[in-house]
């Protein structure tokens, strides 16, 4: 319908300034066993978000 996104019950949209802020925001929502799809242009550096969520350090 009009190209809009359909959000499931309880879905949230939050804008954050960078990959680190995204990791902080997500960490507050996630529970053990949750799955996360991180998608965006490579230039955004979202691999850093994944590294932070997994507890790793940036290379």
Protein backbone atom coordinates (compact mmCIF):
# COMPACT_ATOMS: atom_id res chain seq x y z
CA UNK A 1 0.00 0.00 0.00
CA UNK A 2 1.74 3.12 -1.21
CA UNK A 3 5.21 1.70 -0.55
CA UNK A 4 4.91 2.26 3.20
CA UNK A 5 6.41 -0.13 5.72
CA UNK A 6 4.10 -2.36 7.73
CA UNK A 7 5.20 -2.60 11.33
CA UNK A 8 4.30 -5.48 13.58
CA UNK A 9 2.70 -5.04 16.96
CA UNK A 10 5.16 -3.43 19.33
CA UNK A 11 7.50 -2.34 16.51
CA UNK A 12 9.44 0.88 17.09
CA UNK A 13 11.21 3.33 14.83
CA UNK A 14 14.00 5.40 16.37
CA UNK A 15 16.43 7.72 14.63
CA UNK A 16 19.99 7.72 15.96
CA UNK A 17 23.03 9.76 14.88
CA UNK A 18 25.52 6.93 14.35
CA UNK A 19 26.32 3.22 14.60
CA UNK A 20 27.39 3.44 18.24
CA UNK A 21 24.13 5.11 19.26
CA UNK A 22 22.22 2.42 17.35
CA UNK A 23 24.00 -0.29 19.36
CA UNK A 24 23.17 1.44 22.64
CA UNK A 25 19.52 1.84 21.66
CA UNK A 26 19.19 -1.76 20.48
CA UNK A 27 20.94 -3.18 23.53
CA UNK A 28 18.16 -1.76 25.68
CA UNK A 29 15.49 -3.57 23.65
CA UNK A 30 17.05 -6.95 22.98
CA UNK A 31 16.52 -10.08 25.02
CA UNK A 32 18.37 -13.42 24.87
CA UNK A 33 17.37 -15.31 21.74
CA UNK A 34 16.32 -12.23 19.75
CA UNK A 35 17.44 -11.95 16.14
CA UNK A 36 18.44 -8.64 14.55
CA UNK A 37 18.79 -7.73 10.89
CA UNK A 38 21.18 -4.81 10.42
CA UNK A 39 20.88 -3.43 6.92
CA UNK A 40 22.13 -0.27 5.29
CA UNK A 41 24.81 1.20 3.06
CA UNK A 42 28.41 0.22 3.87
CA UNK A 43 29.22 3.92 4.20
CA UNK A 44 27.07 4.05 7.35
CA UNK A 45 29.44 1.66 9.11
CA UNK A 46 26.67 -0.51 10.52
CA UNK A 47 29.10 -3.39 10.93
CA UNK A 48 30.26 -1.42 13.98
CA UNK A 49 26.75 -1.71 15.43
CA UNK A 50 26.88 -5.48 15.00
CA UNK A 51 30.34 -5.66 16.59
CA UNK A 52 29.18 -3.67 19.60
CA UNK A 53 26.06 -5.78 20.06
CA UNK A 54 28.17 -8.93 19.94
CA UNK A 55 30.58 -7.49 22.51
CA UNK A 56 33.53 -7.22 20.12
CA UNK A 57 35.95 -4.41 19.51
CA UNK A 58 36.30 -2.58 16.22
CA UNK A 59 39.07 -3.81 13.97
